[in-house]
């Protein structure tokens, strides 16, 4: 693949990965918040998976917005003297 203006940045795919993983982790944390496990871990009350999932999701959104593929814009040609 050639590196040019029409290629998609690898950081966009990193952002998509962060977004999906953050969503999955946060949803698992919300599920554990609604239905607590029978034997909770030591720092269960902190709900780290909700916070970590939310942080990954936010980072994924930022990466996706910053490195999103740009649409090609049609550039206008300046008007010639006889067309004015």
C-alpha atoms as a PDB file:
ATOM      1  CA  UNK A   1       0.000   0.000   0.000  1.00  0.00           C
ATOM      2  CA  UNK A   2       1.360   3.359  -0.846  1.00  0.00           C
ATOM      3  CA  UNK A   3       1.529   6.116   1.696  1.00  0.00           C
ATOM      4  CA  UNK A   4      -0.419   9.079   0.448  1.00  0.00           C
ATOM      5  CA  UNK A   5      -3.379  11.293   1.038  1.00  0.00           C
ATOM      6  CA  UNK A   6      -5.913   8.558   0.293  1.00  0.00           C
ATOM      7  CA  UNK A   7      -4.622   6.129   2.944  1.00  0.00           C
ATOM      8  CA  UNK A   8      -6.232   5.728   6.352  1.00  0.00           C
ATOM      9  CA  UNK A   9      -4.075   6.369   9.415  1.00  0.00           C
ATOM     10  CA  UNK A  10      -3.312   3.420  11.692  1.00  0.00           C
ATOM     11  CA  UNK A  11      -4.239   5.654  14.633  1.00  0.00           C
ATOM     12  CA  UNK A  12      -7.837   5.707  13.415  1.00  0.00           C
ATOM     13  CA  UNK A  13      -7.962   1.914  13.813  1.00  0.00           C
ATOM     14  CA  UNK A  14      -6.326   2.217  17.236  1.00  0.00           C
ATOM     15  CA  UNK A  15      -9.141   4.613  18.151  1.00  0.00           C
ATOM     16  CA  UNK A  16     -11.783   2.170  16.943  1.00  0.00           C
ATOM     17  CA  UNK A  17     -10.154  -0.595  18.997  1.00  0.00           C
ATOM     18  CA  UNK A  18     -10.057   1.596  22.115  1.00  0.00           C
ATOM     19  CA  UNK A  19     -13.681   2.585  21.556  1.00  0.00           C
ATOM     20  CA  UNK A  20     -14.940  -0.992  21.233  1.00  0.00           C
ATOM     21  CA  UNK A  21     -12.856  -2.358  24.119  1.00  0.00           C
ATOM     22  CA  UNK A  22     -13.854   0.543  26.363  1.00  0.00           C
ATOM     23  CA  UNK A  23     -17.512  -0.032  25.589  1.00  0.00           C
ATOM     24  CA  UNK A  24     -17.255  -3.747  26.366  1.00  0.00           C
ATOM     25  CA  UNK A  25     -15.369  -3.190  29.641  1.00  0.00           C
ATOM     26  CA  UNK A  26     -17.740  -0.443  30.771  1.00  0.00           C
ATOM     27  CA  UNK A  27     -20.801  -2.566  29.974  1.00  0.00           C
ATOM     28  CA  UNK A  28     -19.333  -5.482  31.949  1.00  0.00           C
ATOM     29  CA  UNK A  29     -18.699  -3.107  34.857  1.00  0.00           C
ATOM     30  CA  UNK A  30     -22.244  -1.756  34.738  1.00  0.00           C
ATOM     31  CA  UNK A  31     -23.558  -5.323  34.706  1.00  0.00           C
ATOM     32  CA  UNK A  32     -21.480  -6.104  37.824  1.00  0.00           C
ATOM     33  CA  UNK A  33     -22.759  -2.903  39.436  1.00  0.00           C
ATOM     34  CA  UNK A  34     -26.382  -3.963  38.872  1.00  0.00           C
ATOM     35  CA  UNK A  35     -25.767  -7.617  39.796  1.00  0.00           C
ATOM     36  CA  UNK A  36     -22.926  -7.783  42.333  1.00  0.00           C
ATOM     37  CA  UNK A  37     -20.889 -10.994  42.384  1.00  0.00           C
ATOM     38  CA  UNK A  38     -21.261 -13.428  45.280  1.00  0.00           C
ATOM     39  CA  UNK A  39     -17.617 -13.080  46.270  1.00  0.00           C
ATOM     40  CA  UNK A  40     -16.455  -9.571  45.303  1.00  0.00           C
ATOM     41  CA  UNK A  41     -12.798  -8.705  44.828  1.00  0.00           C
ATOM     42  CA  UNK A  42     -10.921  -6.537  47.350  1.00  0.00           C
ATOM     43  CA  UNK A  43     -11.560  -3.141  45.716  1.00  0.00           C
ATOM     44  CA  UNK A  44     -15.014  -3.922  44.345  1.00  0.00           C
ATOM     45  CA  UNK A  45     -16.504  -0.700  45.763  1.00  0.00           C
ATOM     46  CA  UNK A  46     -14.233   1.375  43.473  1.00  0.00           C
ATOM     47  CA  UNK A  47     -15.838  -0.107  40.298  1.00  0.00           C
ATOM     48  CA  UNK A  48     -12.575   0.170  38.394  1.00  0.00           C
ATOM     49  CA  UNK A  49     -13.915  -1.538  35.274  1.00  0.00           C
ATOM     50  CA  UNK A  50     -16.572   1.153  34.840  1.00  0.00           C
ATOM     51  CA  UNK A  51     -13.970   3.918  35.158  1.00  0.00           C
ATOM     52  CA  UNK A  52     -11.374   2.151  33.020  1.00  0.00           C
ATOM     53  CA  UNK A  53     -13.941   1.324  30.347  1.00  0.00           C
ATOM     54  CA  UNK A  54     -15.146   4.915  30.315  1.00  0.00           C
ATOM     55  CA  UNK A  55     -11.577   6.195  30.008  1.00  0.00           C
ATOM     56  CA  UNK A  56     -10.828   3.854  27.099  1.00  0.00           C
ATOM     57  CA  UNK A  57     -14.107   4.816  25.428  1.00  0.00           C
ATOM     58  CA  UNK A  58     -13.295   8.525  25.757  1.00  0.00           C
ATOM     59  CA  UNK A  59      -9.766   7.996  24.400  1.00  0.00           C
ATOM     60  CA  UNK A  60     -11.245   6.031  21.488  1.00  0.00           C
ATOM     61  CA  UNK A  61     -13.616   8.863  20.628  1.00  0.00           C
ATOM     62  CA  UNK A  62     -10.764  11.380  20.711  1.00  0.00           C
ATOM     63  CA  UNK A  63      -8.561   9.202  18.480  1.00  0.00           C
ATOM     64  CA  UNK A  64     -11.406   8.550  16.031  1.00  0.00           C
ATOM     65  CA  UNK A  65     -12.212  12.250  15.751  1.00  0.00           C
ATOM     66  CA  UNK A  66      -8.597  13.381  15.415  1.00  0.00           C
ATOM     67  CA  UNK A  67      -7.505  10.740  12.911  1.00  0.00           C
ATOM     68  CA  UNK A  68     -10.721  10.184  10.963  1.00  0.00           C
ATOM     69  CA  UNK A  69     -10.260   9.839   7.213  1.00  0.00           C
ATOM     70  CA  UNK A  70     -10.808  13.192   5.578  1.00  0.00           C
ATOM     71  CA  UNK A  71     -13.269  13.613   2.760  1.00  0.00           C
ATOM     72  CA  UNK A  72     -11.854  14.946  -0.429  1.00  0.00           C
ATOM     73  CA  UNK A  73     -13.028  18.484  -0.984  1.00  0.00           C
ATOM     74  CA  UNK A  74     -13.648  19.780  -4.439  1.00  0.00           C
ATOM     75  CA  UNK A  75     -11.619  22.916  -4.893  1.00  0.00           C
ATOM     76  CA  UNK A  76     -13.272  25.751  -6.738  1.00  0.00           C
ATOM     77  CA  UNK A  77     -11.517  27.208  -9.682  1.00  0.00           C
ATOM     78  CA  UNK A  78     -11.213  30.991  -9.626  1.00  0.00           C
ATOM     79  CA  UNK A  79     -13.479  32.775 -12.057  1.00  0.00           C
ATOM     80  CA  UNK A  80     -11.881  33.964 -15.234  1.00  0.00           C
ATOM     81  CA  UNK A  81     -12.170  37.614 -16.218  1.00  0.00           C
ATOM     82  CA  UNK A  82     -14.719  36.909 -18.978  1.00  0.00           C
ATOM     83  CA  UNK A  83     -16.994  34.858 -16.644  1.00  0.00           C
ATOM     84  CA  UNK A  84     -17.453  37.653 -14.071  1.00  0.00           C
END
